[in-house]
Amino acid sequence: MLSESESLVFTLPIASSIIIVIFSYSVFIAAFLVTISIFSKSIKEAQSYLSLLSIIPSVIGILVMSSPEKIQSFFPLTIPIYNVIYLLKMLLGNSIDWNNCIIACASLFAYTFILLKLCSIMLKSEKYIM
């Protein structure tokens, strides 16, 4: 909890960074959902695959909240859900390294591109088309 002397201050760069991080995460999740829905053969199978999608961010969020304040290497910033939760934690705490933000957003867009490329390959294959 914040004391009376502390408050959340949103400057324009921090607010725009939060919007960019949330947008890149949303696009990544949408690409992931499309890939899973193309891969699955029925609605029930897709639902069973996607039911874990709500558990994974919760577990990773708990891990991030118990992690150290500063990351020593850039590798954790390339893990899709971990990097978003870590960046939001840092942005809301007003202690952000802009290089970390760029690395995390770039990795999310790279994963999104890979997932969409996989979707296009799967749609061209007769195995996944009914």
Protein backbone atom coordinates (compact mmCIF):
# COMPACT_ATOMS: atom_id res chain seq x y z
CA MET A 1 0.00 0.00 0.00
CA LEU A 2 1.09 3.52 -0.65
CA SER A 3 1.48 5.91 2.23
CA GLU A 4 -0.10 9.36 2.25
CA SER A 5 3.10 11.00 1.00
CA GLU A 6 3.43 8.56 -1.92
CA SER A 7 1.07 8.46 -4.85
CA LEU A 8 0.93 6.98 -8.29
CA VAL A 9 2.09 9.59 -10.77
CA PHE A 10 1.41 8.86 -14.40
CA THR A 11 3.49 10.89 -16.75
CA LEU A 12 2.84 10.79 -20.47
CA PRO A 13 5.77 8.42 -21.23
CA ILE A 14 4.72 5.97 -18.51
CA ALA A 15 1.04 6.04 -19.51
CA SER A 16 1.89 5.57 -23.18
CA SER A 17 4.26 2.72 -22.29
CA ILE A 18 1.51 0.98 -20.32
CA ILE A 19 -0.81 1.30 -23.33
CA ILE A 20 1.86 -0.06 -25.70
CA VAL A 21 2.64 -3.01 -23.41
CA ILE A 22 -1.04 -3.89 -22.98
CA PHE A 23 -1.65 -3.55 -26.73
CA SER A 24 1.30 -5.78 -27.65
CA TYR A 25 0.19 -8.36 -25.07
CA SER A 26 -3.37 -8.31 -26.42
CA VAL A 27 -2.18 -8.86 -29.97
CA PHE A 28 0.03 -11.73 -28.80
CA ILE A 29 -2.84 -13.40 -26.92
CA ALA A 30 -5.14 -12.99 -29.94
CA ALA A 31 -2.55 -14.65 -32.20
CA PHE A 32 -2.13 -17.44 -29.65
CA LEU A 33 -5.89 -18.00 -29.49
CA VAL A 34 -6.18 -18.12 -33.27
CA THR A 35 -3.32 -20.62 -33.48
CA ILE A 36 -4.89 -22.89 -30.87
CA SER A 37 -8.31 -22.67 -32.50
CA ILE A 38 -6.87 -23.65 -35.90
CA PHE A 39 -4.89 -26.51 -34.35
CA SER A 40 -7.81 -28.03 -32.45
CA LYS A 41 -10.27 -30.25 -34.21
CA SER A 42 -13.41 -29.34 -32.27
CA ILE A 43 -14.76 -26.66 -29.97
CA LYS A 44 -14.42 -28.93 -26.93
CA GLU A 45 -10.79 -29.65 -27.72
CA ALA A 46 -10.07 -25.94 -28.20
CA GLN A 47 -11.76 -25.12 -24.91
CA SER A 48 -9.69 -27.70 -23.06
CA TYR A 49 -6.50 -26.22 -24.53
CA LEU A 50 -7.54 -22.66 -23.75
CA SER A 51 -8.69 -23.36 -20.19
CA LEU A 52 -5.05 -23.32 -19.08
CA LEU A 53 -4.62 -19.86 -20.56
CA SER A 54 -6.22 -18.24 -17.53
CA ILE A 55 -4.11 -20.21 -15.03
CA ILE A 56 -0.71 -19.55 -16.55
CA PRO A 57 -0.68 -15.72 -16.13
CA SER A 58 -1.81 -16.08 -12.52
CA VAL A 59 1.07 -18.40 -11.65
CA ILE A 60 3.57 -16.26 -13.54
CA GLY A 61 2.21 -13.14 -11.81
CA ILE A 62 2.89 -14.68 -8.42
CA LEU A 63 6.43 -15.54 -9.54
CA VAL A 64 7.04 -12.00 -10.76
CA MET A 65 5.82 -10.42 -7.54
CA SER A 66 8.32 -12.53 -5.59
CA SER A 67 11.17 -11.87 -8.02
CA PRO A 68 13.89 -9.28 -7.48
CA GLU A 69 13.31 -5.69 -8.47
CA LYS A 70 15.94 -5.54 -11.19
CA ILE A 71 16.58 -8.18 -13.80
CA GLN A 72 20.27 -8.83 -14.38
CA SER A 73 19.98 -10.22 -17.92
CA PHE A 74 17.59 -9.61 -20.76
CA PHE A 75 16.53 -13.27 -21.16
CA PRO A 76 13.51 -13.09 -18.79
CA LEU A 77 12.22 -10.16 -20.83
CA THR A 78 11.80 -12.46 -23.81
CA ILE A 79 9.37 -14.78 -22.00
CA PRO A 80 5.94 -13.67 -23.26
CA ILE A 81 3.75 -13.40 -20.17
CA TYR A 82 6.55 -12.84 -17.66
CA ASN A 83 7.79 -9.75 -19.47
CA VAL A 84 4.38 -8.06 -19.50
CA ILE A 85 3.75 -8.59 -15.80
CA TYR A 86 7.31 -7.49 -14.96
CA LEU A 87 7.01 -4.34 -17.08
CA LEU A 88 3.66 -3.40 -15.60
CA LYS A 89 5.13 -3.90 -12.12
CA MET A 90 8.03 -1.62 -12.99
CA LEU A 91 5.87 0.97 -14.77
CA LEU A 92 3.45 1.22 -11.88
CA GLY A 93 6.39 1.52 -9.49
CA ASN A 94 7.84 4.39 -11.58
CA SER A 95 11.16 2.58 -11.97
CA ILE A 96 11.40 1.57 -15.58
CA ASP A 97 14.36 0.89 -17.79
CA TRP A 98 13.32 1.87 -21.30
CA ASN A 99 15.65 -0.70 -22.86
CA ASN A 100 13.75 -3.43 -21.01
CA CYS A 101 10.47 -2.04 -22.34
CA ILE A 102 11.77 -2.07 -25.91
CA ILE A 103 13.14 -5.61 -25.58
CA ALA A 104 9.89 -6.92 -24.10
CA CYS A 105 7.62 -5.29 -26.68
CA ALA A 106 9.88 -6.35 -29.55
CA SER A 107 9.90 -9.94 -28.31
CA LEU A 108 6.11 -9.92 -28.01
CA PHE A 109 5.74 -8.65 -31.57
CA ALA A 110 8.28 -11.26 -32.76
CA TYR A 111 6.32 -14.06 -31.06
CA THR A 112 3.12 -12.66 -32.55
CA PHE A 113 4.67 -12.69 -36.02
CA ILE A 114 5.83 -16.28 -35.53
CA LEU A 115 2.35 -17.36 -34.37
CA LEU A 116 0.65 -15.65 -37.30
CA LYS A 117 3.13 -17.22 -39.72
CA LEU A 118 2.34 -20.60 -38.13
CA CYS A 119 -1.37 -19.86 -38.63
CA SER A 120 -0.84 -19.16 -42.30
CA ILE A 121 1.13 -22.39 -42.72
CA MET A 122 -1.58 -24.34 -40.90
CA LEU A 123 -4.32 -22.82 -43.03
CA LYS A 124 -2.48 -23.79 -46.21
CA SER A 125 -2.21 -27.39 -45.02
CA GLU A 126 -5.10 -29.75 -45.66
CA LYS A 127 -4.55 -31.44 -42.29
CA TYR A 128 -6.05 -28.53 -40.35
CA ILE A 129 -8.82 -27.57 -42.75
CA MET A 130 -12.11 -29.44 -42.42
